[in-house]
Amino acid sequence: RTGLPLSSIDKALQQAEAKGLITRDWARVRPTERGFDFLSDLQELFLA
């Protein structure tokens, strides 16, 4: 849906996972309860 490679979000995903805002596996990314509570902080990690 973006036409972009996964490398375009890899750094932000690593940061989000380190902060406990997401969980992920080889197929899917999910916000944690903490990610839901601090959704704006999670989304901002993906700003250009």
ModelCIF file with pLDDT and N, C-alpha, C, O atoms, coordinates in Angstrom:
data_MODEL
#
_entry.id   MODEL 
#
_entity.id                         1 
_entity.type                       polymer 
_entity.pdbx_number_of_molecules   1 
#
_entity_poly.entity_id                      1 
_entity_poly.type                           'polypeptide(L)' 
_entity_poly.nstd_linkage                   no 
_entity_poly.nstd_monomer                   no 
_entity_poly.pdbx_seq_one_letter_code       RTGLPLSSIDKALQQAEAKGLITRDWARVRPTERGFDFLSDLQELFLA 
_entity_poly.pdbx_seq_one_letter_code_can   RTGLPLSSIDKALQQAEAKGLITRDWARVRPTERGFDFLSDLQELFLA 
_entity_poly.pdbx_strand_id                 A 
#
loop_
_entity_poly_seq.entity_id 
_entity_poly_seq.num 
_entity_poly_seq.mon_id 
_entity_poly_seq.hetero 
1 1  ARG n 
1 2  THR n 
1 3  GLY n 
1 4  LEU n 
1 5  PRO n 
1 6  LEU n 
1 7  SER n 
1 8  SER n 
1 9  ILE n 
1 10 ASP n 
1 11 LYS n 
1 12 ALA n 
1 13 LEU n 
1 14 GLN n 
1 15 GLN n 
1 16 ALA n 
1 17 GLU n 
1 18 ALA n 
1 19 LYS n 
1 20 GLY n 
1 21 LEU n 
1 22 ILE n 
1 23 THR n 
1 24 ARG n 
1 25 ASP n 
1 26 TRP n 
1 27 ALA n 
1 28 ARG n 
1 29 VAL n 
1 30 ARG n 
1 31 PRO n 
1 32 THR n 
1 33 GLU n 
1 34 ARG n 
1 35 GLY n 
1 36 PHE n 
1 37 ASP n 
1 38 PHE n 
1 39 LEU n 
1 40 SER n 
1 41 ASP n 
1 42 LEU n 
1 43 GLN n 
1 44 GLU n 
1 45 LEU n 
1 46 PHE n 
1 47 LEU n 
1 48 ALA n 
#
_struct_asym.id          A 
_struct_asym.entity_id   1 
#
loop_
_ma_qa_metric.id 
_ma_qa_metric.mode 
_ma_qa_metric.name 
_ma_qa_metric.software_group_id 
_ma_qa_metric.type 
1 global pLDDT . pLDDT 
2 local  pLDDT . pLDDT 
#
_ma_qa_metric_global.metric_id      1 
_ma_qa_metric_global.metric_value   95.83 
_ma_qa_metric_global.model_id       1 
_ma_qa_metric_global.ordinal_id     1 
#
loop_
_ma_qa_metric_local.label_asym_id 
_ma_qa_metric_local.label_comp_id 
_ma_qa_metric_local.label_seq_id 
_ma_qa_metric_local.metric_id 
_ma_qa_metric_local.metric_value 
_ma_qa_metric_local.model_id 
_ma_qa_metric_local.ordinal_id 
A ARG 1  2 96.00 1 1  
A THR 2  2 97.00 1 2  
A GLY 3  2 96.00 1 3  
A LEU 4  2 96.00 1 4  
A PRO 5  2 95.00 1 5  
A LEU 6  2 95.00 1 6  
A SER 7  2 96.00 1 7  
A SER 8  2 96.00 1 8  
A ILE 9  2 97.00 1 9  
A ASP 10 2 96.00 1 10 
A LYS 11 2 97.00 1 11 
A ALA 12 2 97.00 1 12 
A LEU 13 2 98.00 1 13 
A GLN 14 2 97.00 1 14 
A GLN 15 2 97.00 1 15 
A ALA 16 2 98.00 1 16 
A GLU 17 2 97.00 1 17 
A ALA 18 2 98.00 1 18 
A LYS 19 2 97.00 1 19 
A GLY 20 2 98.00 1 20 
A LEU 21 2 98.00 1 21 
A ILE 22 2 98.00 1 22 
A THR 23 2 98.00 1 23 
A ARG 24 2 96.00 1 24 
A ASP 25 2 94.00 1 25 
A TRP 26 2 92.00 1 26 
A ALA 27 2 96.00 1 27 
A ARG 28 2 97.00 1 28 
A VAL 29 2 98.00 1 29 
A ARG 30 2 98.00 1 30 
A PRO 31 2 97.00 1 31 
A THR 32 2 96.00 1 32 
A GLU 33 2 92.00 1 33 
A ARG 34 2 94.00 1 34 
A GLY 35 2 95.00 1 35 
A PHE 36 2 92.00 1 36 
A ASP 37 2 89.00 1 37 
A PHE 38 2 93.00 1 38 
A LEU 39 2 95.00 1 39 
A SER 40 2 95.00 1 40 
A ASP 41 2 96.00 1 41 
A LEU 42 2 97.00 1 42 
A GLN 43 2 97.00 1 43 
A GLU 44 2 97.00 1 44 
A LEU 45 2 97.00 1 45 
A PHE 46 2 97.00 1 46 
A LEU 47 2 95.00 1 47 
A ALA 48 2 87.00 1 48 
#
loop_
_atom_site.group_PDB 
_atom_site.id 
_atom_site.type_symbol 
_atom_site.label_atom_id 
_atom_site.label_alt_id 
_atom_site.label_comp_id 
_atom_site.label_asym_id 
_atom_site.label_entity_id 
_atom_site.label_seq_id 
_atom_site.pdbx_PDB_ins_code 
_atom_site.Cartn_x 
_atom_site.Cartn_y 
_atom_site.Cartn_z 
_atom_site.occupancy 
_atom_site.B_iso_or_equiv 
_atom_site.pdbx_formal_charge 
_atom_site.auth_seq_id 
_atom_site.auth_comp_id 
_atom_site.auth_asym_id 
_atom_site.auth_atom_id 
_atom_site.pdbx_PDB_model_num 
ATOM 1   N N  . ARG A 1 1  ? 0.792  -1.231  0.000  1.00 96.00 ? 1  ARG A N  1 
ATOM 2   C CA . ARG A 1 1  ? 0.000  0.000   0.000  1.00 96.00 ? 1  ARG A CA 1 
ATOM 3   C C  . ARG A 1 1  ? 0.823  1.279   0.000  1.00 96.00 ? 1  ARG A C  1 
ATOM 4   O O  . ARG A 1 1  ? 0.287  2.363   -0.227 1.00 96.00 ? 1  ARG A O  1 
ATOM 5   N N  . THR A 1 2  ? 2.115  1.159   0.253  1.00 97.00 ? 2  THR A N  1 
ATOM 6   C CA . THR A 1 2  ? 2.987  2.336   0.135  1.00 97.00 ? 2  THR A CA 1 
ATOM 7   C C  . THR A 1 2  ? 3.944  2.228   -1.045 1.00 97.00 ? 2  THR A C  1 
ATOM 8   O O  . THR A 1 2  ? 4.443  3.242   -1.533 1.00 97.00 ? 2  THR A O  1 
ATOM 9   N N  . GLY A 1 3  ? 4.202  1.010   -1.508 1.00 96.00 ? 3  GLY A N  1 
ATOM 10  C CA . GLY A 1 3  ? 5.188  0.825   -2.564 1.00 96.00 ? 3  GLY A CA 1 
ATOM 11  C C  . GLY A 1 3  ? 6.609  1.037   -2.088 1.00 96.00 ? 3  GLY A C  1 
ATOM 12  O O  . GLY A 1 3  ? 7.522  1.192   -2.899 1.00 96.00 ? 3  GLY A O  1 
ATOM 13  N N  . LEU A 1 4  ? 6.809  1.044   -0.761 1.00 96.00 ? 4  LEU A N  1 
ATOM 14  C CA . LEU A 1 4  ? 8.130  1.280   -0.183 1.00 96.00 ? 4  LEU A CA 1 
ATOM 15  C C  . LEU A 1 4  ? 8.709  -0.018  0.372  1.00 96.00 ? 4  LEU A C  1 
ATOM 16  O O  . LEU A 1 4  ? 7.954  -0.929  0.712  1.00 96.00 ? 4  LEU A O  1 
ATOM 17  N N  . PRO A 1 5  ? 10.029 -0.121  0.469  1.00 95.00 ? 5  PRO A N  1 
ATOM 18  C CA . PRO A 1 5  ? 10.645 -1.298  1.080  1.00 95.00 ? 5  PRO A CA 1 
ATOM 19  C C  . PRO A 1 5  ? 10.550 -1.228  2.602  1.00 95.00 ? 5  PRO A C  1 
ATOM 20  O O  . PRO A 1 5  ? 10.324 -0.159  3.169  1.00 95.00 ? 5  PRO A O  1 
ATOM 21  N N  . LEU A 1 6  ? 10.723 -2.368  3.255  1.00 95.00 ? 6  LEU A N  1 
ATOM 22  C CA . LEU A 1 6  ? 10.668 -2.400  4.720  1.00 95.00 ? 6  LEU A CA 1 
ATOM 23  C C  . LEU A 1 6  ? 11.805 -1.612  5.353  1.00 95.00 ? 6  LEU A C  1 
ATOM 24  O O  . LEU A 1 6  ? 11.709 -1.197  6.509  1.00 95.00 ? 6  LEU A O  1 
ATOM 25  N N  . SER A 1 7  ? 12.873 -1.406  4.607  1.00 96.00 ? 7  SER A N  1 
ATOM 26  C CA . SER A 1 7  ? 13.986 -0.618  5.142  1.00 96.00 ? 7  SER A CA 1 
ATOM 27  C C  . SER A 1 7  ? 13.561 0.820   5.456  1.00 96.00 ? 7  SER A C  1 
ATOM 28  O O  . SER A 1 7  ? 14.223 1.503   6.237  1.00 96.00 ? 7  SER A O  1 
ATOM 29  N N  . SER A 1 8  ? 12.467 1.280   4.855  1.00 96.00 ? 8  SER A N  1 
ATOM 30  C CA . SER A 1 8  ? 11.991 2.643   5.099  1.00 96.00 ? 8  SER A CA 1 
ATOM 31  C C  . SER A 1 8  ? 11.416 2.823   6.503  1.00 96.00 ? 8  SER A C  1 
ATOM 32  O O  . SER A 1 8  ? 11.260 3.954   6.963  1.00 96.00 ? 8  SER A O  1 
ATOM 33  N N  . ILE A 1 9  ? 11.099 1.721   7.187  1.00 97.00 ? 9  ILE A N  1 
ATOM 34  C CA . ILE A 1 9  ? 10.556 1.816   8.545  1.00 97.00 ? 9  ILE A CA 1 
ATOM 35  C C  . ILE A 1 9  ? 11.354 1.008   9.568  1.00 97.00 ? 9  ILE A C  1 
ATOM 36  O O  . ILE A 1 9  ? 10.990 0.961   10.743 1.00 97.00 ? 9  ILE A O  1 
ATOM 37  N N  . ASP A 1 10 ? 12.429 0.381   9.130  1.00 96.00 ? 10 ASP A N  1 
ATOM 38  C CA . ASP A 1 10 ? 13.156 -0.525  10.029 1.00 96.00 ? 10 ASP A CA 1 
ATOM 39  C C  . ASP A 1 10 ? 13.692 0.198   11.267 1.00 96.00 ? 10 ASP A C  1 
ATOM 40  O O  . ASP A 1 10 ? 13.560 -0.308  12.382 1.00 96.00 ? 10 ASP A O  1 
ATOM 41  N N  . LYS A 1 11 ? 14.290 1.367   11.083 1.00 97.00 ? 11 LYS A N  1 
ATOM 42  C CA . LYS A 1 11 ? 14.862 2.110   12.214 1.00 97.00 ? 11 LYS A CA 1 
ATOM 43  C C  . LYS A 1 11 ? 13.778 2.484   13.215 1.00 97.00 ? 11 LYS A C  1 
ATOM 44  O O  . LYS A 1 11 ? 13.965 2.330   14.422 1.00 97.00 ? 11 LYS A O  1 
ATOM 45  N N  . ALA A 1 12 ? 12.635 2.980   12.715 1.00 97.00 ? 12 ALA A N  1 
ATOM 46  C CA . ALA A 1 12 ? 11.542 3.381   13.602 1.00 97.00 ? 12 ALA A CA 1 
ATOM 47  C C  . ALA A 1 12 ? 10.947 2.180   14.327 1.00 97.00 ? 12 ALA A C  1 
ATOM 48  O O  . ALA A 1 12 ? 10.586 2.282   15.500 1.00 97.00 ? 12 ALA A O  1 
ATOM 49  N N  . LEU A 1 13 ? 10.842 1.041   13.642 1.00 98.00 ? 13 LEU A N  1 
ATOM 50  C CA . LEU A 1 13 ? 10.338 -0.169  14.290 1.00 98.00 ? 13 LEU A CA 1 
ATOM 51  C C  . LEU A 1 13 ? 11.264 -0.615  15.417 1.00 98.00 ? 13 LEU A C  1 
ATOM 52  O O  . LEU A 1 13 ? 10.799 -1.027  16.480 1.00 98.00 ? 13 LEU A O  1 
ATOM 53  N N  . GLN A 1 14 ? 12.560 -0.534  15.188 1.00 97.00 ? 14 GLN A N  1 
ATOM 54  C CA . GLN A 1 14 ? 13.517 -0.897  16.230 1.00 97.00 ? 14 GLN A CA 1 
ATOM 55  C C  . GLN A 1 14 ? 13.361 0.010   17.456 1.00 97.00 ? 14 GLN A C  1 
ATOM 56  O O  . GLN A 1 14 ? 13.387 -0.460  18.593 1.00 97.00 ? 14 GLN A O  1 
ATOM 57  N N  . GLN A 1 15 ? 13.199 1.308   17.210 1.00 97.00 ? 15 GLN A N  1 
ATOM 58  C CA . GLN A 1 15 ? 13.016 2.253   18.318 1.00 97.00 ? 15 GLN A CA 1 
ATOM 59  C C  . GLN A 1 15 ? 11.723 1.970   19.067 1.00 97.00 ? 15 GLN A C  1 
ATOM 60  O O  . GLN A 1 15 ? 11.697 1.979   20.298 1.00 97.00 ? 15 GLN A O  1 
ATOM 61  N N  . ALA A 1 16 ? 10.649 1.717   18.323 1.00 98.00 ? 16 ALA A N  1 
ATOM 62  C CA . ALA A 1 16 ? 9.346  1.455   18.946 1.00 98.00 ? 16 ALA A CA 1 
ATOM 63  C C  . ALA A 1 16 ? 9.388  0.182   19.788 1.00 98.00 ? 16 ALA A C  1 
ATOM 64  O O  . ALA A 1 16 ? 8.814  0.126   20.876 1.00 98.00 ? 16 ALA A O  1 
ATOM 65  N N  . GLU A 1 17 ? 10.069 -0.831  19.277 1.00 97.00 ? 17 GLU A N  1 
ATOM 66  C CA . GLU A 1 17 ? 10.178 -2.090  20.006 1.00 97.00 ? 17 GLU A CA 1 
ATOM 67  C C  . GLU A 1 17 ? 11.011 -1.902  21.268 1.00 97.00 ? 17 GLU A C  1 
ATOM 68  O O  . GLU A 1 17 ? 10.675 -2.449  22.318 1.00 97.00 ? 17 GLU A O  1 
ATOM 69  N N  . ALA A 1 18 ? 12.084 -1.141  21.175 1.00 98.00 ? 18 ALA A N  1 
ATOM 70  C CA . ALA A 1 18 ? 12.940 -0.886  22.337 1.00 98.00 ? 18 ALA A CA 1 
ATOM 71  C C  . ALA A 1 18 ? 12.192 -0.122  23.425 1.00 98.00 ? 18 ALA A C  1 
ATOM 72  O O  . ALA A 1 18 ? 12.470 -0.304  24.611 1.00 98.00 ? 18 ALA A O  1 
ATOM 73  N N  . LYS A 1 19 ? 11.259 0.719   23.040 1.00 97.00 ? 19 LYS A N  1 
ATOM 74  C CA . LYS A 1 19 ? 10.468 1.499   24.004 1.00 97.00 ? 19 LYS A CA 1 
ATOM 75  C C  . LYS A 1 19 ? 9.258  0.725   24.529 1.00 97.00 ? 19 LYS A C  1 
ATOM 76  O O  . LYS A 1 19 ? 8.515  1.235   25.368 1.00 97.00 ? 19 LYS A O  1 
ATOM 77  N N  . GLY A 1 20 ? 9.054  -0.504  24.041 1.00 98.00 ? 20 GLY A N  1 
ATOM 78  C CA . GLY A 1 20 ? 7.921  -1.309  24.482 1.00 98.00 ? 20 GLY A CA 1 
ATOM 79  C C  . GLY A 1 20 ? 6.592  -0.862  23.904 1.00 98.00 ? 20 GLY A C  1 
ATOM 80  O O  . GLY A 1 20 ? 5.539  -1.115  24.490 1.00 98.00 ? 20 GLY A O  1 
ATOM 81  N N  . LEU A 1 21 ? 6.634  -0.198  22.756 1.00 98.00 ? 21 LEU A N  1 
ATOM 82  C CA . LEU A 1 21 ? 5.405  0.340   22.152 1.00 98.00 ? 21 LEU A CA 1 
ATOM 83  C C  . LEU A 1 21 ? 4.785  -0.606  21.131 1.00 98.00 ? 21 LEU A C  1 
ATOM 84  O O  . LEU A 1 21 ? 3.609  -0.472  20.795 1.00 98.00 ? 21 LEU A O  1 
ATOM 85  N N  . ILE A 1 22 ? 5.572  -1.565  20.634 1.00 98.00 ? 22 ILE A N  1 
ATOM 86  C CA . ILE A 1 22 ? 5.067  -2.546  19.674 1.00 98.00 ? 22 ILE A CA 1 
ATOM 87  C C  . ILE A 1 22 ? 5.629  -3.914  19.980 1.00 98.00 ? 22 ILE A C  1 
ATOM 88  O O  . ILE A 1 22 ? 6.632  -4.053  20.680 1.00 98.00 ? 22 ILE A O  1 
ATOM 89  N N  . THR A 1 23 ? 4.963  -4.925  19.443 1.00 98.00 ? 23 THR A N  1 
ATOM 90  C CA . THR A 1 23 ? 5.546  -6.259  19.317 1.00 98.00 ? 23 THR A CA 1 
ATOM 91  C C  . THR A 1 23 ? 5.509  -6.593  17.834 1.00 98.00 ? 23 THR A C  1 
ATOM 92  O O  . THR A 1 23 ? 4.659  -6.082  17.105 1.00 98.00 ? 23 THR A O  1 
ATOM 93  N N  . ARG A 1 24 ? 6.422  -7.447  17.379 1.00 96.00 ? 24 ARG A N  1 
ATOM 94  C CA . ARG A 1 24 ? 6.441  -7.792  15.957 1.00 96.00 ? 24 ARG A CA 1 
ATOM 95  C C  . ARG A 1 24 ? 7.048  -9.160  15.748 1.00 96.00 ? 24 ARG A C  1 
ATOM 96  O O  . ARG A 1 24 ? 7.810  -9.660  16.575 1.00 96.00 ? 24 ARG A O  1 
ATOM 97  N N  . ASP A 1 25 ? 6.690  -9.755  14.616 1.00 94.00 ? 25 ASP A N  1 
ATOM 98  C CA . ASP A 1 25 ? 7.327  -10.982 14.172 1.00 94.00 ? 25 ASP A CA 1 
ATOM 99  C C  . ASP A 1 25 ? 7.622  -10.812 12.689 1.00 94.00 ? 25 ASP A C  1 
ATOM 100 O O  . ASP A 1 25 ? 7.625  -9.688  12.186 1.00 94.00 ? 25 ASP A O  1 
ATOM 101 N N  . TRP A 1 26 ? 7.864  -11.893 11.994 1.00 92.00 ? 26 TRP A N  1 
ATOM 102 C CA . TRP A 1 26 ? 8.255  -11.791 10.586 1.00 92.00 ? 26 TRP A CA 1 
ATOM 103 C C  . TRP A 1 26 ? 7.100  -11.340 9.696  1.00 92.00 ? 26 TRP A C  1 
ATOM 104 O O  . TRP A 1 26 ? 7.316  -10.958 8.546  1.00 92.00 ? 26 TRP A O  1 
ATOM 105 N N  . ALA A 1 27 ? 5.855  -11.381 10.232 1.00 96.00 ? 27 ALA A N  1 
ATOM 106 C CA . ALA A 1 27 ? 4.705  -11.086 9.380  1.00 96.00 ? 27 ALA A CA 1 
ATOM 107 C C  . ALA A 1 27 ? 3.914  -9.856  9.806  1.00 96.00 ? 27 ALA A C  1 
ATOM 108 O O  . ALA A 1 27 ? 3.255  -9.231  8.975  1.00 96.00 ? 27 ALA A O  1 
ATOM 109 N N  . ARG A 1 28 ? 3.969  -9.494  11.104 1.00 97.00 ? 28 ARG A N  1 
ATOM 110 C CA . ARG A 1 28 ? 2.998  -8.504  11.600 1.00 97.00 ? 28 ARG A CA 1 
ATOM 111 C C  . ARG A 1 28 ? 3.605  -7.617  12.689 1.00 97.00 ? 28 ARG A C  1 
ATOM 112 O O  . ARG A 1 28 ? 4.502  -8.030  13.423 1.00 97.00 ? 28 ARG A O  1 
ATOM 113 N N  . VAL A 1 29 ? 3.088  -6.378  12.774 1.00 98.00 ? 29 VAL A N  1 
ATOM 114 C CA . VAL A 1 29 ? 3.458  -5.427  13.822 1.00 98.00 ? 29 VAL A CA 1 
ATOM 115 C C  . VAL A 1 29 ? 2.188  -5.051  14.582 1.00 98.00 ? 29 VAL A C  1 
ATOM 116 O O  . VAL A 1 29 ? 1.176  -4.702  13.974 1.00 98.00 ? 29 VAL A O  1 
ATOM 117 N N  . ARG A 1 30 ? 2.244  -5.124  15.919 1.00 98.00 ? 30 ARG A N  1 
ATOM 118 C CA . ARG A 1 30 ? 1.076  -4.798  16.742 1.00 98.00 ? 30 ARG A CA 1 
ATOM 119 C C  . ARG A 1 30 ? 1.473  -3.801  17.832 1.00 98.00 ? 30 ARG A C  1 
ATOM 120 O O  . ARG A 1 30 ? 2.540  -3.934  18.431 1.00 98.00 ? 30 ARG A O  1 
ATOM 121 N N  . PRO A 1 31 ? 0.620  -2.799  18.093 1.00 97.00 ? 31 PRO A N  1 
ATOM 122 C CA . PRO A 1 31 ? 0.896  -1.927  19.234 1.00 97.00 ? 31 PRO A CA 1 
ATOM 123 C C  . PRO A 1 31 ? 0.652  -2.675  20.543 1.00 97.00 ? 31 PRO A C  1 
ATOM 124 O O  . PRO A 1 31 ? -0.289 -3.463  20.643 1.00 97.00 ? 31 PRO A O  1 
ATOM 125 N N  . THR A 1 32 ? 1.489  -2.432  21.537 1.00 96.00 ? 32 THR A N  1 
ATOM 126 C CA . THR A 1 32 ? 1.268  -2.992  22.874 1.00 96.00 ? 32 THR A CA 1 
ATOM 127 C C  . THR A 1 32 ? 0.250  -2.126  23.617 1.00 96.00 ? 32 THR A C  1 
ATOM 128 O O  . THR A 1 32 ? -0.210 -1.112  23.093 1.00 96.00 ? 32 THR A O  1 
ATOM 129 N N  . GLU A 1 33 ? -0.096 -2.530  24.837 1.00 92.00 ? 33 GLU A N  1 
ATOM 130 C CA . GLU A 1 33 ? -0.981 -1.694  25.654 1.00 92.00 ? 33 GLU A CA 1 
ATOM 131 C C  . GLU A 1 33 ? -0.333 -0.324  25.876 1.00 92.00 ? 33 GLU A C  1 
ATOM 132 O O  . GLU A 1 33 ? -1.002 0.709   25.839 1.00 92.00 ? 33 GLU A O  1 
ATOM 133 N N  . ARG A 1 34 ? 0.959  -0.339  26.104 1.00 94.00 ? 34 ARG A N  1 
ATOM 134 C CA . ARG A 1 34 ? 1.684  0.919   26.272 1.00 94.00 ? 34 ARG A CA 1 
ATOM 135 C C  . ARG A 1 34 ? 1.642  1.740   24.971 1.00 94.00 ? 34 ARG A C  1 
ATOM 136 O O  . ARG A 1 34 ? 1.508  2.963   25.002 1.00 94.00 ? 34 ARG A O  1 
ATOM 137 N N  . GLY A 1 35 ? 1.759  1.046   23.833 1.00 95.00 ? 35 GLY A N  1 
ATOM 138 C CA . GLY A 1 35 ? 1.685  1.730   22.546 1.00 95.00 ? 35 GLY A CA 1 
ATOM 139 C C  . GLY A 1 35 ? 0.335  2.371   22.320 1.00 95.00 ? 35 GLY A C  1 
ATOM 140 O O  . GLY A 1 35 ? 0.248  3.462   21.756 1.00 95.00 ? 35 GLY A O  1 
ATOM 141 N N  . PHE A 1 36 ? -0.731 1.695   22.762 1.00 92.00 ? 36 PHE A N  1 
ATOM 142 C CA . PHE A 1 36 ? -2.082 2.258   22.673 1.00 92.00 ? 36 PHE A CA 1 
ATOM 143 C C  . PHE A 1 36 ? -2.194 3.502   23.562 1.00 92.00 ? 36 PHE A C  1 
ATOM 144 O O  . PHE A 1 36 ? -2.772 4.513   23.164 1.00 92.00 ? 36 PHE A O  1 
ATOM 145 N N  . ASP A 1 37 ? -1.638 3.410   24.758 1.00 89.00 ? 37 ASP A N  1 
ATOM 146 C CA . ASP A 1 37 ? -1.746 4.523   25.710 1.00 89.00 ? 37 ASP A CA 1 
ATOM 147 C C  . ASP A 1 37 ? -0.933 5.738   25.261 1.00 89.00 ? 37 ASP A C  1 
ATOM 148 O O  . ASP A 1 37 ? -1.296 6.880   25.545 1.00 89.00 ? 37 ASP A O  1 
ATOM 149 N N  . PHE A 1 38 ? 0.164  5.479   24.561 1.00 93.00 ? 38 PHE A N  1 
ATOM 150 C CA . PHE A 1 38 ? 1.032  6.570   24.092 1.00 93.00 ? 38 PHE A CA 1 
ATOM 151 C C  . PHE A 1 38 ? 1.116  6.534   22.569 1.00 93.00 ? 38 PHE A C  1 
ATOM 152 O O  . PHE A 1 38 ? 2.200  6.526   21.987 1.00 93.00 ? 38 PHE A O  1 
ATOM 153 N N  . LEU A 1 39 ? -0.056 6.513   21.944 1.00 95.00 ? 39 LEU A N  1 
ATOM 154 C CA . LEU A 1 39 ? -0.137 6.333   20.503 1.00 95.00 ? 39 LEU A CA 1 
ATOM 155 C C  . LEU A 1 39 ? 0.561  7.458   19.744 1.00 95.00 ? 39 LEU A C  1 
ATOM 156 O O  . LEU A 1 39 ? 1.248  7.199   18.756 1.00 95.00 ? 39 LEU A O  1 
ATOM 157 N N  . SER A 1 40 ? 0.395  8.694   20.186 1.00 95.00 ? 40 SER A N  1 
ATOM 158 C CA . SER A 1 40 ? 1.034  9.816   19.478 1.00 95.00 ? 40 SER A CA 1 
ATOM 159 C C  . SER A 1 40 ? 2.545  9.676   19.480 1.00 95.00 ? 40 SER A C  1 
ATOM 160 O O  . SER A 1 40 ? 3.202  9.941   18.474 1.00 95.00 ? 40 SER A O  1 
ATOM 161 N N  . ASP A 1 41 ? 3.099  9.254   20.625 1.00 96.00 ? 41 ASP A N  1 
ATOM 162 C CA . ASP A 1 41 ? 4.547  9.050   20.701 1.00 96.00 ? 41 ASP A CA 1 
ATOM 163 C C  . ASP A 1 41 ? 4.999  7.951   19.738 1.00 96.00 ? 41 ASP A C  1 
ATOM 164 O O  . ASP A 1 41 ? 6.047  8.063   19.102 1.00 96.00 ? 41 ASP A O  1 
ATOM 165 N N  . LEU A 1 42 ? 4.202  6.898   19.640 1.00 97.00 ? 42 LEU A N  1 
ATOM 166 C CA . LEU A 1 42 ? 4.521  5.799   18.733 1.00 97.00 ? 42 LEU A CA 1 
ATOM 167 C C  . LEU A 1 42 ? 4.466  6.269   17.278 1.00 97.00 ? 42 LEU A C  1 
ATOM 168 O O  . LEU A 1 42 ? 5.378  5.987   16.501 1.00 97.00 ? 42 LEU A O  1 
ATOM 169 N N  . GLN A 1 43 ? 3.424  6.969   16.917 1.00 97.00 ? 43 GLN A N  1 
ATOM 170 C CA . GLN A 1 43 ? 3.275  7.424   15.533 1.00 97.00 ? 43 GLN A CA 1 
ATOM 171 C C  . GLN A 1 43 ? 4.394  8.389   15.135 1.00 97.00 ? 43 GLN A C  1 
ATOM 172 O O  . GLN A 1 43 ? 4.871  8.355   14.001 1.00 97.00 ? 43 GLN A O  1 
ATOM 173 N N  . GLU A 1 44 ? 4.806  9.238   16.058 1.00 97.00 ? 44 GLU A N  1 
ATOM 174 C CA . GLU A 1 44 ? 5.811  10.260  15.745 1.00 97.00 ? 44 GLU A CA 1 
ATOM 175 C C  . GLU A 1 44 ? 7.166  9.670   15.379 1.00 97.00 ? 44 GLU A C  1 
ATOM 176 O O  . GLU A 1 44 ? 7.976  10.328  14.726 1.00 97.00 ? 44 GLU A O  1 
ATOM 177 N N  . LEU A 1 45 ? 7.418  8.428   15.799 1.00 97.00 ? 45 LEU A N  1 
ATOM 178 C CA . LEU A 1 45 ? 8.684  7.786   15.469 1.00 97.00 ? 45 LEU A CA 1 
ATOM 179 C C  . LEU A 1 45 ? 8.839  7.601   13.953 1.00 97.00 ? 45 LEU A C  1 
ATOM 180 O O  . LEU A 1 45 ? 9.951  7.424   13.455 1.00 97.00 ? 45 LEU A O  1 
ATOM 181 N N  . PHE A 1 46 ? 7.728  7.642   13.234 1.00 97.00 ? 46 PHE A N  1 
ATOM 182 C CA . PHE A 1 46 ? 7.748  7.387   11.800 1.00 97.00 ? 46 PHE A CA 1 
ATOM 183 C C  . PHE A 1 46 ? 7.729  8.673   10.971 1.00 97.00 ? 46 PHE A C  1 
ATOM 184 O O  . PHE A 1 46 ? 7.649  8.619   9.744  1.00 97.00 ? 46 PHE A O  1 
ATOM 185 N N  . LEU A 1 47 ? 7.801  9.813   11.632 1.00 95.00 ? 47 LEU A N  1 
ATOM 186 C CA . LEU A 1 47 ? 7.880  11.080  10.910 1.00 95.00 ? 47 LEU A CA 1 
ATOM 187 C C  . LEU A 1 47 ? 9.189  11.172  10.130 1.00 95.00 ? 47 LEU A C  1 
ATOM 188 O O  . LEU A 1 47 ? 10.227 10.685  10.578 1.00 95.00 ? 47 LEU A O  1 
ATOM 189 N N  . ALA A 1 48 ? 9.125  11.797  8.970  1.00 87.00 ? 48 ALA A N  1 
ATOM 190 C CA . ALA A 1 48 ? 10.338 11.968  8.161  1.00 87.00 ? 48 ALA A CA 1 
ATOM 191 C C  . ALA A 1 48 ? 11.324 12.864  8.894  1.00 87.00 ? 48 ALA A C  1 
ATOM 192 O O  . ALA A 1 48 ? 12.411 13.134  8.383  1.00 87.00 ? 48 ALA A O  1 
#
